[in-house]
PDB file of N, CA and C in Angstrom:
ATOM      1  N   MET A   1     299.869 144.741 127.300  1.00  0.00           N
ATOM      2  CA  MET A   1     299.539 144.186 128.791  1.00  0.00           C
ATOM      3  C   MET A   1     299.034 146.029 129.078  1.00  0.00           C
ATOM      4  N   ASP A   2     299.459 147.036 128.725  1.00  0.00           N
ATOM      5  CA  ASP A   2     299.072 148.054 129.200  1.00  0.00           C
ATOM      6  C   ASP A   2     297.356 148.286 128.675  1.00  0.00           C
ATOM      7  N   GLY A   3     296.625 147.737 127.799  1.00  0.00           N
ATOM      8  CA  GLY A   3     296.051 147.816 126.782  1.00  0.00           C
ATOM      9  C   GLY A   3     294.699 146.857 127.735  1.00  0.00           C
ATOM     10  N   ILE A   4     295.298 145.524 128.476  1.00  0.00           N
ATOM     11  CA  ILE A   4     294.366 145.195 129.675  1.00  0.00           C
ATOM     12  C   ILE A   4     294.204 145.877 130.668  1.00  0.00           C
ATOM     13  N   LEU A   5     294.947 146.282 131.101  1.00  0.00           N
ATOM     14  CA  LEU A   5     295.154 147.191 132.258  1.00  0.00           C
ATOM     15  C   LEU A   5     294.122 148.660 132.315  1.00  0.00           C
ATOM     16  N   ILE A   6     294.370 149.040 130.994  1.00  0.00           N
ATOM     17  CA  ILE A   6     293.355 150.513 130.873  1.00  0.00           C
ATOM     18  C   ILE A   6     291.303 149.551 130.733  1.00  0.00           C
ATOM     19  N   ALA A   7     291.551 148.424 129.802  1.00  0.00           N
ATOM     20  CA  ALA A   7     290.339 148.310 129.839  1.00  0.00           C
ATOM     21  C   ALA A   7     289.383 147.246 131.285  1.00  0.00           C
ATOM     22  N   ASN A   8     290.378 147.009 131.965  1.00  0.00           N
ATOM     23  CA  ASN A   8     290.084 146.486 133.669  1.00  0.00           C
ATOM     24  C   ASN A   8     289.932 147.967 134.179  1.00  0.00           C
ATOM     25  N   GLU A   9     290.103 148.463 133.905  1.00  0.00           N
ATOM     26  CA  GLU A   9     290.095 150.056 134.745  1.00  0.00           C
ATOM     27  C   GLU A   9     288.802 150.760 134.369  1.00  0.00           C
ATOM     28  N   ALA A  10     288.819 150.798 133.022  1.00  0.00           N
ATOM     29  CA  ALA A  10     287.321 151.490 132.641  1.00  0.00           C
ATOM     30  C   ALA A  10     286.311 150.724 133.210  1.00  0.00           C
ATOM     31  N   ILE A  11     286.259 149.044 133.090  1.00  0.00           N
ATOM     32  CA  ILE A  11     285.006 148.168 133.304  1.00  0.00           C
ATOM     33  C   ILE A  11     284.687 148.381 134.849  1.00  0.00           C
ATOM     34  N   ASP A  12     285.559 148.639 135.633  1.00  0.00           N
ATOM     35  CA  ASP A  12     285.838 148.915 136.998  1.00  0.00           C
ATOM     36  C   ASP A  12     285.267 150.168 137.252  1.00  0.00           C
ATOM     37  N   GLU A  13     285.574 151.156 136.586  1.00  0.00           N
ATOM     38  CA  GLU A  13     284.977 152.331 136.736  1.00  0.00           C
ATOM     39  C   GLU A  13     283.669 152.672 136.185  1.00  0.00           C
ATOM     40  N   ALA A  14     283.128 151.993 135.688  1.00  0.00           N
ATOM     41  CA  ALA A  14     281.973 151.911 134.559  1.00  0.00           C
ATOM     42  C   ALA A  14     280.873 151.180 135.594  1.00  0.00           C
ATOM     43  N   GLN A  15     281.343 150.032 136.199  1.00  0.00           N
ATOM     44  CA  GLN A  15     280.492 149.548 137.069  1.00  0.00           C
ATOM     45  C   GLN A  15     280.419 150.241 138.316  1.00  0.00           C
ATOM     46  N   ARG A  16     281.494 151.085 138.803  1.00  0.00           N
ATOM     47  CA  ARG A  16     280.996 151.462 140.369  1.00  0.00           C
ATOM     48  C   ARG A  16     280.318 152.532 139.666  1.00  0.00           C
ATOM     49  N   LEU A  17     280.160 153.328 138.867  1.00  0.00           N
ATOM     50  CA  LEU A  17     279.083 154.135 138.621  1.00  0.00           C
ATOM     51  C   LEU A  17     277.832 153.706 137.889  1.00  0.00           C
ATOM     52  N   ASN A  18     277.929 152.257 138.025  1.00  0.00           N
ATOM     53  CA  ASN A  18     276.366 151.554 137.619  1.00  0.00           C
ATOM     54  C   ASN A  18     275.874 152.017 135.897  1.00  0.00           C
ATOM     55  N   LYS A  19     277.059 152.444 134.977  1.00  0.00           N
ATOM     56  CA  LYS A  19     277.045 152.386 133.842  1.00  0.00           C
ATOM     57  C   LYS A  19     276.578 151.101 133.319  1.00  0.00           C
ATOM     58  N   PHE A  20     277.102 150.133 133.256  1.00  0.00           N
ATOM     59  CA  PHE A  20     276.690 149.060 132.516  1.00  0.00           C
ATOM     60  C   PHE A  20     277.306 148.163 133.188  1.00  0.00           C
ATOM     61  N   LYS A  21     276.524 146.624 132.955  1.00  0.00           N
ATOM     62  CA  LYS A  21     276.983 145.550 133.540  1.00  0.00           C
ATOM     63  C   LYS A  21     277.504 144.578 132.651  1.00  0.00           C
ATOM     64  N   VAL A  22     278.836 143.977 133.014  1.00  0.00           N
ATOM     65  CA  VAL A  22     279.501 142.852 132.505  1.00  0.00           C
ATOM     66  C   VAL A  22     279.150 141.526 132.549  1.00  0.00           C
ATOM     67  N   ASP A  23     278.795 140.972 131.544  1.00  0.00           N
ATOM     68  CA  ASP A  23     278.376 139.429 131.926  1.00  0.00           C
ATOM     69  C   ASP A  23     279.669 138.386 131.239  1.00  0.00           C
ATOM     70  N   PHE A  24     280.598 137.975 131.843  1.00  0.00           N
ATOM     71  CA  PHE A  24     281.327 136.974 131.407  1.00  0.00           C
ATOM     72  C   PHE A  24     280.955 135.480 131.118  1.00  0.00           C
ATOM     73  N   GLU A  25     279.750 135.353 131.454  1.00  0.00           N
ATOM     74  CA  GLU A  25     279.718 133.889 132.112  1.00  0.00           C
ATOM     75  C   GLU A  25     279.173 133.298 130.397  1.00  0.00           C
ATOM     76  N   LYS A  26     278.348 134.071 129.633  1.00  0.00           N
ATOM     77  CA  LYS A  26     277.791 133.342 128.552  1.00  0.00           C
ATOM     78  C   LYS A  26     279.472 133.484 127.497  1.00  0.00           C
ATOM     79  N   THR A  27     280.227 134.372 127.655  1.00  0.00           N
ATOM     80  CA  THR A  27     281.466 134.356 126.830  1.00  0.00           C
ATOM     81  C   THR A  27     282.198 133.238 127.040  1.00  0.00           C
ATOM     82  N   TYR A  28     282.385 133.377 128.586  1.00  0.00           N
ATOM     83  CA  TYR A  28     283.529 131.914 129.216  1.00  0.00           C
ATOM     84  C   TYR A  28     282.596 130.900 128.535  1.00  0.00           C
ATOM     85  N   ASP A  29     281.527 130.562 128.313  1.00  0.00           N
ATOM     86  CA  ASP A  29     280.519 129.476 128.207  1.00  0.00           C
ATOM     87  C   ASP A  29     280.929 128.546 126.798  1.00  0.00           C
ATOM     88  N   SER A  30     281.127 129.839 125.789  1.00  0.00           N
ATOM     89  CA  SER A  30     280.868 129.278 124.231  1.00  0.00           C
ATOM     90  C   SER A  30     282.801 129.391 124.089  1.00  0.00           C
ATOM     91  N   VAL A  31     283.381 129.287 124.547  1.00  0.00           N
ATOM     92  CA  VAL A  31     284.820 129.359 124.138  1.00  0.00           C
ATOM     93  C   VAL A  31     285.259 127.807 123.811  1.00  0.00           C
ATOM     94  N   ASP A  32     285.712 128.429 122.351  1.00  0.00           N
ATOM     95  CA  ASP A  32     286.072 126.406 121.925  1.00  0.00           C
ATOM     96  C   ASP A  32     287.372 126.145 122.264  1.00  0.00           C
ATOM     97  N   LEU A  33     288.137 125.371 122.595  1.00  0.00           N
ATOM     98  CA  LEU A  33     289.068 125.157 123.405  1.00  0.00           C
ATOM     99  C   LEU A  33     290.147 124.718 122.580  1.00  0.00           C
ATOM    100  N   ASN A  34     289.549 124.068 121.195  1.00  0.00           N
ATOM    101  CA  ASN A  34     290.356 123.355 120.118  1.00  0.00           C
ATOM    102  C   ASN A  34     290.998 124.916 119.401  1.00  0.00           C
ATOM    103  N   TYR A  35     290.016 125.856 119.308  1.00  0.00           N
ATOM    104  CA  TYR A  35     290.406 126.988 118.640  1.00  0.00           C
ATOM    105  C   TYR A  35     291.176 128.140 118.913  1.00  0.00           C
ATOM    106  N   LEU A  36     290.872 128.105 121.284  1.00  0.00           N
ATOM    107  CA  LEU A  36     291.997 128.731 121.742  1.00  0.00           C
ATOM    108  C   LEU A  36     293.307 127.856 121.568  1.00  0.00           C
ATOM    109  N   ASP A  37     293.595 126.604 121.127  1.00  0.00           N
ATOM    110  CA  ASP A  37     294.631 126.312 121.295  1.00  0.00           C
ATOM    111  C   ASP A  37     295.871 126.617 119.875  1.00  0.00           C
ATOM    112  N   SER A  38     294.553 126.729 118.649  1.00  0.00           N
ATOM    113  CA  SER A  38     294.860 126.818 117.386  1.00  0.00           C
ATOM    114  C   SER A  38     295.325 128.405 117.511  1.00  0.00           C
ATOM    115  N   VAL A  39     294.932 129.365 117.950  1.00  0.00           N
ATOM    116  CA  VAL A  39     294.942 130.701 118.558  1.00  0.00           C
ATOM    117  C   VAL A  39     296.332 131.027 119.120  1.00  0.00           C
ATOM    118  N   MET A  40     296.698 130.226 120.093  1.00  0.00           N
ATOM    119  CA  MET A  40     297.999 130.328 120.914  1.00  0.00           C
ATOM    120  C   MET A  40     298.950 129.779 120.110  1.00  0.00           C
ATOM    121  N   ALA A  41     298.790 128.426 119.284  1.00  0.00           N
ATOM    122  CA  ALA A  41     299.850 128.307 118.435  1.00  0.00           C
ATOM    123  C   ALA A  41     300.150 128.884 117.232  1.00  0.00           C
ATOM    124  N   ASN A  42     299.112 129.676 116.685  1.00  0.00           N
ATOM    125  CA  ASN A  42     299.551 130.787 115.800  1.00  0.00           C
ATOM    126  C   ASN A  42     300.229 131.851 116.104  1.00  0.00           C
ATOM    127  N   MET A  43     300.156 132.568 117.588  1.00  0.00           N
ATOM    128  CA  MET A  43     300.846 133.428 117.910  1.00  0.00           C
ATOM    129  C   MET A  43     302.030 132.877 118.702  1.00  0.00           C
ATOM    130  N   ASN A  44     302.350 131.956 118.551  1.00  0.00           N
ATOM    131  CA  ASN A  44     303.931 131.190 118.731  1.00  0.00           C
ATOM    132  C   ASN A  44     303.813 130.994 120.626  1.00  0.00           C
ATOM    133  N   PHE A  45     303.008 130.795 121.159  1.00  0.00           N
ATOM    134  CA  PHE A  45     303.075 130.304 122.476  1.00  0.00           C
ATOM    135  C   PHE A  45     303.702 128.833 122.841  1.00  0.00           C
ATOM    136  N   PRO A  46     304.259 128.763 123.757  1.00  0.00           N
ATOM    137  CA  PRO A  46     305.444 127.314 124.124  1.00  0.00           C
ATOM    138  C   PRO A  46     304.331 126.298 123.985  1.00  0.00           C
ATOM    139  N   THR A  47     304.440 125.280 123.679  1.00  0.00           N
ATOM    140  CA  THR A  47     303.741 124.251 123.989  1.00  0.00           C
ATOM    141  C   THR A  47     303.760 123.506 125.208  1.00  0.00           C
ATOM    142  N   ILE A  48     304.615 123.995 126.284  1.00  0.00           N
ATOM    143  CA  ILE A  48     304.289 123.756 127.280  1.00  0.00           C
ATOM    144  C   ILE A  48     303.445 124.850 127.937  1.00  0.00           C
ATOM    145  N   TRP A  49     303.406 125.933 127.320  1.00  0.00           N
ATOM    146  CA  TRP A  49     302.452 126.907 128.228  1.00  0.00           C
ATOM    147  C   TRP A  49     301.126 126.523 127.115  1.00  0.00           C
ATOM    148  N   ARG A  50     300.876 125.941 125.985  1.00  0.00           N
ATOM    149  CA  ARG A  50     299.545 125.680 125.782  1.00  0.00           C
ATOM    150  C   ARG A  50     298.915 124.747 126.781  1.00  0.00           C
ATOM    151  N   LYS A  51     299.619 123.936 126.685  1.00  0.00           N
ATOM    152  CA  LYS A  51     299.562 122.398 127.604  1.00  0.00           C
ATOM    153  C   LYS A  51     298.631 123.271 129.097  1.00  0.00           C
ATOM    154  N   TRP A  52     299.305 124.085 129.504  1.00  0.00           N
ATOM    155  CA  TRP A  52     299.106 124.313 131.004  1.00  0.00           C
ATOM    156  C   TRP A  52     297.730 125.368 130.630  1.00  0.00           C
ATOM    157  N   ILE A  53     297.654 126.101 130.073  1.00  0.00           N
ATOM    158  CA  ILE A  53     296.471 126.886 129.452  1.00  0.00           C
ATOM    159  C   ILE A  53     295.020 125.737 129.840  1.00  0.00           C
ATOM    160  N   SER A  54     295.632 124.928 128.549  1.00  0.00           N
ATOM    161  CA  SER A  54     294.672 123.988 128.364  1.00  0.00           C
ATOM    162  C   SER A  54     294.139 123.070 129.176  1.00  0.00           C
ATOM    163  N   GLU A  55     294.964 122.756 130.639  1.00  0.00           N
ATOM    164  CA  GLU A  55     294.510 121.956 131.882  1.00  0.00           C
ATOM    165  C   GLU A  55     293.806 123.158 132.707  1.00  0.00           C
ATOM    166  N   CYS A  56     294.240 124.174 132.427  1.00  0.00           N
ATOM    167  CA  CYS A  56     293.360 124.834 133.377  1.00  0.00           C
ATOM    168  C   CYS A  56     291.996 125.719 133.084  1.00  0.00           C
ATOM    169  N   VAL A  57     291.993 125.288 131.801  1.00  0.00           N
ATOM    170  CA  VAL A  57     290.355 125.922 131.287  1.00  0.00           C
ATOM    171  C   VAL A  57     289.645 124.571 130.434  1.00  0.00           C
ATOM    172  N   GLY A  58     290.330 122.957 130.769  1.00  0.00           N
ATOM    173  CA  GLY A  58     289.676 122.105 130.393  1.00  0.00           C
ATOM    174  C   GLY A  58     289.353 120.960 131.687  1.00  0.00           C
ATOM    175  N   THR A  59     290.014 121.390 132.944  1.00  0.00           N
ATOM    176  CA  THR A  59     289.994 120.802 133.610  1.00  0.00           C
ATOM    177  C   THR A  59     288.349 120.965 134.646  1.00  0.00           C
ATOM    178  N   GLU A  60     287.927 119.686 135.088  1.00  0.00           N
ATOM    179  CA  GLU A  60     286.460 119.893 135.716  1.00  0.00           C
ATOM    180  C   GLU A  60     286.459 119.856 137.233  1.00  0.00           C
ATOM    181  N   LYS A  61     287.464 120.315 137.792  1.00  0.00           N
ATOM    182  CA  LYS A  61     287.912 120.508 139.063  1.00  0.00           C
ATOM    183  C   LYS A  61     288.965 121.670 139.408  1.00  0.00           C
ATOM    184  N   ALA A  62     288.936 122.617 140.865  1.00  0.00           N
ATOM    185  CA  ALA A  62     290.047 123.098 140.591  1.00  0.00           C
ATOM    186  C   ALA A  62     290.555 123.275 142.088  1.00  0.00           C
ATOM    187  N   SER A  63     291.610 123.705 142.852  1.00  0.00           N
ATOM    188  CA  SER A  63     291.985 123.989 144.108  1.00  0.00           C
ATOM    189  C   SER A  63     292.541 125.322 144.200  1.00  0.00           C
ATOM    190  N   VAL A  64     292.736 125.423 145.239  1.00  0.00           N
ATOM    191  CA  VAL A  64     293.560 126.573 145.361  1.00  0.00           C
ATOM    192  C   VAL A  64     294.855 126.444 146.346  1.00  0.00           C
ATOM    193  N   LEU A  65     295.339 127.285 146.870  1.00  0.00           N
ATOM    194  CA  LEU A  65     296.603 127.536 147.796  1.00  0.00           C
ATOM    195  C   LEU A  65     295.895 128.435 149.079  1.00  0.00           C
ATOM    196  N   VAL A  66     296.199 127.957 150.232  1.00  0.00           N
ATOM    197  CA  VAL A  66     295.577 128.563 151.321  1.00  0.00           C
ATOM    198  C   VAL A  66     296.928 128.577 152.207  1.00  0.00           C
ATOM    199  N   ASN A  67     297.661 129.640 152.439  1.00  0.00           N
ATOM    200  CA  ASN A  67     299.053 129.507 152.875  1.00  0.00           C
ATOM    201  C   ASN A  67     299.962 128.956 152.320  1.00  0.00           C
ATOM    202  N   GLY A  68     300.307 128.569 151.345  1.00  0.00           N
ATOM    203  CA  GLY A  68     301.266 127.642 150.422  1.00  0.00           C
ATOM    204  C   GLY A  68     300.724 125.793 150.636  1.00  0.00           C
ATOM    205  N   CYS A  69     299.784 125.879 151.049  1.00  0.00           N
ATOM    206  CA  CYS A  69     299.009 124.408 151.093  1.00  0.00           C
ATOM    207  C   CYS A  69     297.667 124.689 150.239  1.00  0.00           C
ATOM    208  N   PRO A  70     297.755 123.089 149.458  1.00  0.00           N
ATOM    209  CA  PRO A  70     296.675 123.084 148.680  1.00  0.00           C
ATOM    210  C   PRO A  70     295.530 122.839 149.260  1.00  0.00           C
ATOM    211  N   ALA A  71     294.348 123.304 149.015  1.00  0.00           N
ATOM    212  CA  ALA A  71     293.284 123.329 149.869  1.00  0.00           C
ATOM    213  C   ALA A  71     292.702 121.796 149.220  1.00  0.00           C
ATOM    214  N   ASP A  72     290.823 121.318 149.316  1.00  0.00           N
ATOM    215  CA  ASP A  72     290.578 120.377 148.861  1.00  0.00           C
ATOM    216  C   ASP A  72     290.005 120.929 147.516  1.00  0.00           C
ATOM    217  N   GLU A  73     290.105 120.442 146.783  1.00  0.00           N
ATOM    218  CA  GLU A  73     289.441 120.137 145.239  1.00  0.00           C
ATOM    219  C   GLU A  73     288.035 120.775 145.648  1.00  0.00           C
ATOM    220  N   PHE A  74     287.813 121.054 144.073  1.00  0.00           N
ATOM    221  CA  PHE A  74     286.411 121.455 143.964  1.00  0.00           C
ATOM    222  C   PHE A  74     285.860 121.717 142.422  1.00  0.00           C
ATOM    223  N   PRO A  75     284.567 121.350 142.303  1.00  0.00           N
ATOM    224  CA  PRO A  75     284.161 121.342 141.277  1.00  0.00           C
ATOM    225  C   PRO A  75     283.867 122.559 140.428  1.00  0.00           C
ATOM    226  N   LEU A  76     284.270 122.739 139.449  1.00  0.00           N
ATOM    227  CA  LEU A  76     283.687 124.306 138.577  1.00  0.00           C
ATOM    228  C   LEU A  76     282.750 124.026 137.659  1.00  0.00           C
ATOM    229  N   GLU A  77     281.525 124.711 137.816  1.00  0.00           N
ATOM    230  CA  GLU A  77     280.295 124.520 137.428  1.00  0.00           C
ATOM    231  C   GLU A  77     280.076 125.518 136.333  1.00  0.00           C
ATOM    232  N   ARG A  78     280.625 126.658 136.480  1.00  0.00           N
ATOM    233  CA  ARG A  78     280.049 127.743 135.421  1.00  0.00           C
ATOM    234  C   ARG A  78     281.369 128.392 134.880  1.00  0.00           C
ATOM    235  N   GLY A  79     281.275 128.834 133.927  1.00  0.00           N
ATOM    236  CA  GLY A  79     282.356 129.603 132.986  1.00  0.00           C
ATOM    237  C   GLY A  79     283.283 128.177 132.236  1.00  0.00           C
ATOM    238  N   LEU A  80     284.564 128.687 131.963  1.00  0.00           N
ATOM    239  CA  LEU A  80     285.309 127.831 131.464  1.00  0.00           C
ATOM    240  C   LEU A  80     285.498 126.634 132.387  1.00  0.00           C
ATOM    241  N   CYS A  81     285.611 125.367 131.964  1.00  0.00           N
ATOM    242  CA  CYS A  81     285.965 124.315 132.634  1.00  0.00           C
ATOM    243  C   CYS A  81     287.471 124.275 133.106  1.00  0.00           C
TER     244      CYS A  81
END
C-alpha cells in the first residue's frame, strides 16, 4: 500500500511542476477483463471480491451516492466500463 501512496504523491508533484503528463485513458481502455480476473484469482482474491471488481469495471452505467442517496445512473463513456 505504501508503494501506491508514494507513486501517487510522485505523480501529483510532477504534474504540479509540469514535469510530465500522465494519460491513463489508453491504459484503461486496453484492460482485458478476463486477464484481470485471472490475475486476481492467482493472487487469491476472494470470489466475491472478484465479482465486485468485475461489476465495477464491466458495467456500462454507474451511480454515485449524494448525501447517502443514490443519484440517477449515468453512462460510462471513457476508460474501463
